C-alpha atoms as a PDB file:
ATOM      1  CA  MET A   1      -0.198   0.331   0.036  1.00  0.00           C
ATOM      2  CA  ASP A   2       1.459   3.292  -0.965  1.00  0.00           C
ATOM      3  CA  CYS A   3       0.714   5.383   2.416  1.00  0.00           C
ATOM      4  CA  LYS A   4       2.688   8.168   1.608  1.00  0.00           C
ATOM      5  CA  SER A   5      -0.094   8.933  -1.702  1.00  0.00           C
ATOM      6  CA  MET A   6      -2.243   7.673   0.360  1.00  0.00           C
ATOM      7  CA  GLY A   7      -1.790  10.518   3.267  1.00  0.00           C
ATOM      8  CA  ARG A   8      -1.530  13.348   0.315  1.00  0.00           C
ATOM      9  CA  LYS A   9      -4.895  12.718  -1.136  1.00  0.00           C
ATOM     10  CA  LEU A  10      -6.145  13.090   2.376  1.00  0.00           C
ATOM     11  CA  ARG A  11      -4.569  15.779   3.122  1.00  0.00           C
ATOM     12  CA  ALA A  12      -5.828  17.227  -0.141  1.00  0.00           C
ATOM     13  CA  SER A  13      -9.311  16.484   0.530  1.00  0.00           C
ATOM     14  CA  ARG A  14      -9.196  18.126   3.655  1.00  0.00           C
ATOM     15  CA  ALA A  15      -7.805  21.313   2.662  1.00  0.00           C
ATOM     16  CA  GLN A  16     -10.187  21.344   0.030  1.00  0.00           C
ATOM     17  CA  HIS A  17     -12.667  21.400   2.614  1.00  0.00           C
ATOM     18  CA  GLY A  18     -10.997  24.328   4.234  1.00  0.00           C
ATOM     19  CA  TRP A  19     -10.650  22.480   7.719  1.00  0.00           C
ATOM     20  CA  SER A  20      -7.769  22.571   9.922  1.00  0.00           C
ATOM     21  CA  MET A  21      -6.249  18.944  11.107  1.00  0.00           C
ATOM     22  CA  LYS A  22      -7.936  19.419  14.410  1.00  0.00           C
ATOM     23  CA  GLU A  23     -11.182  20.151  12.606  1.00  0.00           C
ATOM     24  CA  CYS A  24     -11.148  17.119  10.476  1.00  0.00           C
ATOM     25  CA  ALA A  25      -9.846  14.970  13.317  1.00  0.00           C
ATOM     26  CA  ASP A  26     -12.715  15.810  15.227  1.00  0.00           C
ATOM     27  CA  ARG A  27     -15.266  15.197  12.317  1.00  0.00           C
ATOM     28  CA  ALA A  28     -13.734  11.780  11.735  1.00  0.00           C
ATOM     29  CA  GLY A  29     -13.659  11.206  15.671  1.00  0.00           C
ATOM     30  CA  ILE A  30      -9.575  10.816  15.810  1.00  0.00           C
ATOM     31  CA  SER A  31      -7.087  12.329  17.290  1.00  0.00           C
ATOM     32  CA  THR A  32      -5.312  15.139  15.678  1.00  0.00           C
ATOM     33  CA  ARG A  33      -1.834  13.196  15.778  1.00  0.00           C
ATOM     34  CA  TYR A  34      -3.527  10.050  14.651  1.00  0.00           C
ATOM     35  CA  LEU A  35      -4.675  12.294  11.570  1.00  0.00           C
ATOM     36  CA  ALA A  36      -1.073  13.701  11.235  1.00  0.00           C
ATOM     37  CA  ASP A  37       0.391  10.342  11.099  1.00  0.00           C
ATOM     38  CA  ILE A  38      -1.825   8.919   8.467  1.00  0.00           C
ATOM     39  CA  GLU A  39      -1.719  12.165   6.487  1.00  0.00           C
ATOM     40  CA  ARG A  40       2.279  11.804   6.625  1.00  0.00           C
ATOM     41  CA  GLY A  41       1.809   7.934   5.448  1.00  0.00           C
ATOM     42  CA  ASP A  42       3.620   7.261   8.628  1.00  0.00           C
ATOM     43  CA  LYS A  43       0.918   5.012  10.069  1.00  0.00           C
ATOM     44  CA  VAL A  44      -2.079   2.341   8.304  1.00  0.00           C
ATOM     45  CA  PRO A  45      -5.323   3.757   9.394  1.00  0.00           C
ATOM     46  CA  LYS A  46      -7.700   0.379   9.982  1.00  0.00           C
ATOM     47  CA  LEU A  47     -10.484   0.069   7.881  1.00  0.00           C
ATOM     48  CA  GLU A  48     -12.976   1.207   9.960  1.00  0.00           C
ATOM     49  CA  THR A  49     -10.770   4.674   9.968  1.00  0.00           C
ATOM     50  CA  LEU A  50     -10.153   4.586   6.911  1.00  0.00           C
ATOM     51  CA  LEU A  51     -14.285   4.882   6.140  1.00  0.00           C
ATOM     52  CA  GLN A  52     -14.927   6.944   8.970  1.00  0.00           C
ATOM     53  CA  LEU A  53     -11.911   9.624   7.540  1.00  0.00           C
ATOM     54  CA  LEU A  54     -13.211   9.044   3.810  1.00  0.00           C
ATOM     55  CA  ASN A  55     -16.724   9.686   4.796  1.00  0.00           C
ATOM     56  CA  THR A  56     -16.178  12.608   6.688  1.00  0.00           C
ATOM     57  CA  LEU A  57     -13.892  13.580   3.409  1.00  0.00           C
ATOM     58  CA  ASP A  58     -16.998  12.912   1.081  1.00  0.00           C
ATOM     59  CA  VAL A  59     -14.339  11.535  -0.824  1.00  0.00           C
ATOM     60  CA  SER A  60     -14.403   7.773  -2.854  1.00  0.00           C
ATOM     61  CA  ALA A  61     -11.631   4.876  -1.793  1.00  0.00           C
ATOM     62  CA  ASP A  62     -10.617   4.488  -5.007  1.00  0.00           C
ATOM     63  CA  SER A  63      -9.332   7.862  -5.538  1.00  0.00           C
ATOM     64  CA  VAL A  64      -7.556   7.916  -2.206  1.00  0.00           C
ATOM     65  CA  LEU A  65      -6.105   4.564  -2.675  1.00  0.00           C
ATOM     66  CA  GLN A  66      -5.609   4.700  -6.953  1.00  0.00           C
ATOM     67  CA  ASP A  67      -1.677   4.591  -6.562  1.00  0.00           C
ATOM     68  CA  SER A  68      -1.801   1.111  -4.428  1.00  0.00           C
ATOM     69  CA  LEU A  69      -4.670  -0.168  -6.353  1.00  0.00           C
ATOM     70  CA  SER A  70      -4.288  -2.173  -9.959  1.00  0.00           C
ATOM     71  CA  VAL A  71      -7.818  -0.913 -10.722  1.00  0.00           C
ATOM     72  CA  GLY A  72      -6.710   2.628  -9.671  1.00  0.00           C
ATOM     73  CA  TYR A  73      -5.438   3.062 -13.380  1.00  0.00           C
ATOM     74  CA  GLU A  74      -9.270   3.693 -14.491  1.00  0.00           C
ATOM     75  CA  THR A  75      -9.897   6.307 -11.981  1.00  0.00           C
ATOM     76  CA  LYS A  76      -6.446   8.119 -12.529  1.00  0.00           C
ATOM     77  CA  SER A  77      -6.981   8.498 -16.804  1.00  0.00           C
ATOM     78  CA  ASN A  78     -10.643   9.720 -15.839  1.00  0.00           C
ATOM     79  CA  ASP A  79      -8.912  12.365 -13.128  1.00  0.00           C
ATOM     80  CA  LEU A  80      -6.463  12.971 -16.092  1.00  0.00           C
ATOM     81  CA  MET A  81      -9.389  13.689 -18.761  1.00  0.00           C
ATOM     82  CA  ARG A  82     -11.204  15.993 -16.266  1.00  0.00           C
ATOM     83  CA  ARG A  83      -8.414  18.066 -15.944  1.00  0.00           C
ATOM     84  CA  VAL A  84      -7.763  17.814 -19.871  1.00  0.00           C
ATOM     85  CA  ASN A  85     -11.480  18.713 -20.193  1.00  0.00           C
ATOM     86  CA  THR A  86     -10.452  22.211 -18.297  1.00  0.00           C
ATOM     87  CA  LEU A  87      -7.984  23.095 -20.665  1.00  0.00           C
ATOM     88  CA  ASP A  88      -9.067  25.721 -23.404  1.00  0.00           C
ATOM     89  CA  SER A  89      -9.221  23.864 -26.870  1.00  0.00           C
ATOM     90  CA  ALA A  90      -5.526  24.994 -28.149  1.00  0.00           C
ATOM     91  CA  HIS A  91      -4.142  23.097 -24.696  1.00  0.00           C
ATOM     92  CA  ARG A  92      -6.411  20.503 -24.875  1.00  0.00           C
ATOM     93  CA  LYS A  93      -5.479  19.576 -28.878  1.00  0.00           C
ATOM     94  CA  GLN A  94      -1.472  19.717 -27.502  1.00  0.00           C
ATOM     95  CA  ALA A  95      -2.304  17.508 -24.561  1.00  0.00           C
ATOM     96  CA  ILE A  96      -3.895  14.955 -26.635  1.00  0.00           C
ATOM     97  CA  ASP A  97      -1.414  14.935 -29.650  1.00  0.00           C
ATOM     98  CA  LEU A  98       1.264  14.505 -26.733  1.00  0.00           C
ATOM     99  CA  PHE A  99      -0.712  11.840 -25.393  1.00  0.00           C
ATOM    100  CA  GLU A 100      -1.495   9.791 -29.013  1.00  0.00           C
ATOM    101  CA  ALA A 101       2.638  10.654 -29.394  1.00  0.00           C
ATOM    102  CA  ILE A 102       3.546   8.991 -25.889  1.00  0.00           C
ATOM    103  CA  LEU A 103       1.196   5.905 -27.073  1.00  0.00           C
ATOM    104  CA  SER A 104       2.826   5.387 -30.536  1.00  0.00           C
ATOM    105  CA  VAL A 105       6.092   5.275 -29.076  1.00  0.00           C
ATOM    106  CA  LEU A 106       4.760   2.754 -26.312  1.00  0.00           C
ATOM    107  CA  GLY A 107       3.725   0.337 -29.635  1.00  0.00           C
ATOM    108  CA  LYS A 108      -0.280   1.042 -29.089  1.00  0.00           C
ATOM    109  CA  PRO A 109      -1.053   2.915 -32.178  1.00  0.00           C
ATOM    110  CA  VAL A 110      -3.974   5.021 -31.913  1.00  0.00           C
END
Protein backbone atom coordinates (compact mmCIF):
# COMPACT_ATOMS: atom_id res chain seq x y z
CA MET A 1 0.00 0.00 0.00
CA ASP A 2 1.29 3.45 -0.91
CA CYS A 3 0.65 5.15 2.45
CA LYS A 4 2.38 8.38 1.47
CA SER A 5 0.15 8.81 -1.55
CA MET A 6 -2.97 7.97 0.45
CA GLY A 7 -1.95 10.51 3.09
CA ARG A 8 -1.35 13.22 0.49
CA LYS A 9 -4.78 12.59 -1.04
CA LEU A 10 -6.50 12.71 2.34
CA ARG A 11 -4.65 15.95 3.19
CA ALA A 12 -5.68 17.46 -0.16
CA SER A 13 -9.32 16.51 0.48
CA ARG A 14 -9.16 18.07 3.93
CA ALA A 15 -7.69 21.25 2.41
CA GLN A 16 -10.49 21.39 -0.16
CA HIS A 17 -12.95 21.53 2.74
CA GLY A 18 -10.88 24.28 4.32
CA TRP A 19 -10.59 22.30 7.56
CA SER A 20 -7.74 22.39 9.99
CA MET A 21 -6.28 19.07 11.02
CA LYS A 22 -8.02 19.40 14.40
CA GLU A 23 -11.40 20.12 12.83
CA CYS A 24 -11.14 17.14 10.49
CA ALA A 25 -9.93 14.82 13.24
CA ASP A 26 -12.81 15.92 15.51
CA ARG A 27 -15.34 15.32 12.73
CA ALA A 28 -13.89 11.86 12.04
CA GLY A 29 -13.68 10.97 15.73
CA ILE A 30 -9.92 10.43 15.82
CA SER A 31 -7.03 12.28 17.45
CA THR A 32 -5.22 15.07 15.65
CA ARG A 33 -1.94 13.21 16.17
CA TYR A 34 -3.32 10.07 14.53
CA LEU A 35 -4.62 12.08 11.55
CA ALA A 36 -1.20 13.72 11.22
CA ASP A 37 0.45 10.28 11.20
CA ILE A 38 -1.97 9.05 8.52
CA GLU A 39 -1.50 12.15 6.36
CA ARG A 40 2.30 11.78 6.53
CA GLY A 41 1.98 8.12 5.57
CA ASP A 42 3.54 6.99 8.85
CA LYS A 43 0.47 5.02 9.99
CA VAL A 44 -1.97 2.81 8.14
CA PRO A 45 -5.46 3.38 9.49
CA LYS A 46 -7.74 0.48 10.36
CA LEU A 47 -10.46 -0.08 7.80
CA GLU A 48 -13.07 1.41 10.13
CA THR A 49 -10.98 4.57 10.61
CA LEU A 50 -10.32 4.89 6.89
CA LEU A 51 -14.05 4.64 6.21
CA GLN A 52 -14.72 7.31 8.84
CA LEU A 53 -12.21 9.60 7.15
CA LEU A 54 -13.55 8.93 3.66
CA ASN A 55 -17.12 9.61 4.75
CA THR A 56 -16.10 12.71 6.71
CA LEU A 57 -14.19 14.07 3.72
CA ASP A 58 -16.86 12.92 1.24
CA VAL A 59 -14.21 11.29 -0.94
CA SER A 60 -14.22 7.88 -2.61
CA ALA A 61 -11.92 5.06 -1.60
CA ASP A 62 -10.77 4.49 -5.18
CA SER A 63 -9.62 8.09 -5.54
CA VAL A 64 -7.62 7.92 -2.29
CA LEU A 65 -6.24 4.43 -2.91
CA GLN A 66 -5.77 4.62 -6.68
CA ASP A 67 -1.97 4.49 -6.45
CA SER A 68 -2.21 1.25 -4.45
CA LEU A 69 -4.81 -0.51 -6.60
CA SER A 70 -4.16 -2.17 -9.93
CA VAL A 71 -7.64 -1.03 -11.00
CA GLY A 72 -6.81 2.48 -9.83
CA TYR A 73 -5.61 3.36 -13.31
CA GLU A 74 -9.20 3.77 -14.46
CA THR A 75 -9.78 6.40 -11.79
CA LYS A 76 -6.47 8.06 -12.58
CA SER A 77 -7.26 8.17 -16.31
CA ASN A 78 -10.68 9.67 -15.54
CA ASP A 79 -8.98 12.31 -13.37
CA LEU A 80 -6.56 13.10 -16.19
CA MET A 81 -9.40 13.43 -18.70
CA ARG A 82 -11.27 15.78 -16.35
CA ARG A 83 -8.12 17.91 -16.14
CA VAL A 84 -7.66 17.86 -19.92
CA ASN A 85 -11.27 18.92 -20.37
CA THR A 86 -10.68 22.03 -18.25
CA LEU A 87 -8.04 23.26 -20.70
CA ASP A 88 -8.81 25.73 -23.47
CA SER A 89 -9.20 24.10 -26.89
CA ALA A 90 -5.62 24.79 -28.07
CA HIS A 91 -4.04 23.30 -24.92
CA ARG A 92 -6.50 20.39 -24.94
CA LYS A 93 -5.44 19.53 -28.51
CA GLN A 94 -1.77 19.72 -27.48
CA ALA A 95 -2.36 17.40 -24.53
CA ILE A 96 -4.22 14.86 -26.66
CA ASP A 97 -1.58 15.03 -29.41
CA LEU A 98 1.14 14.40 -26.79
CA PHE A 99 -0.75 11.44 -25.37
CA GLU A 100 -1.24 9.94 -28.84
CA ALA A 101 2.49 10.39 -29.57
CA ILE A 102 3.41 8.65 -26.32
CA LEU A 103 1.11 5.73 -27.13
CA SER A 104 2.69 5.43 -30.58
CA VAL A 105 6.18 5.30 -29.05
CA LEU A 106 5.02 2.62 -26.62
CA GLY A 107 3.81 0.54 -29.56
CA LYS A 108 0.10 1.15 -29.05
CA PRO A 109 -1.02 2.96 -32.20
CA VAL A 110 -4.07 5.11 -31.78
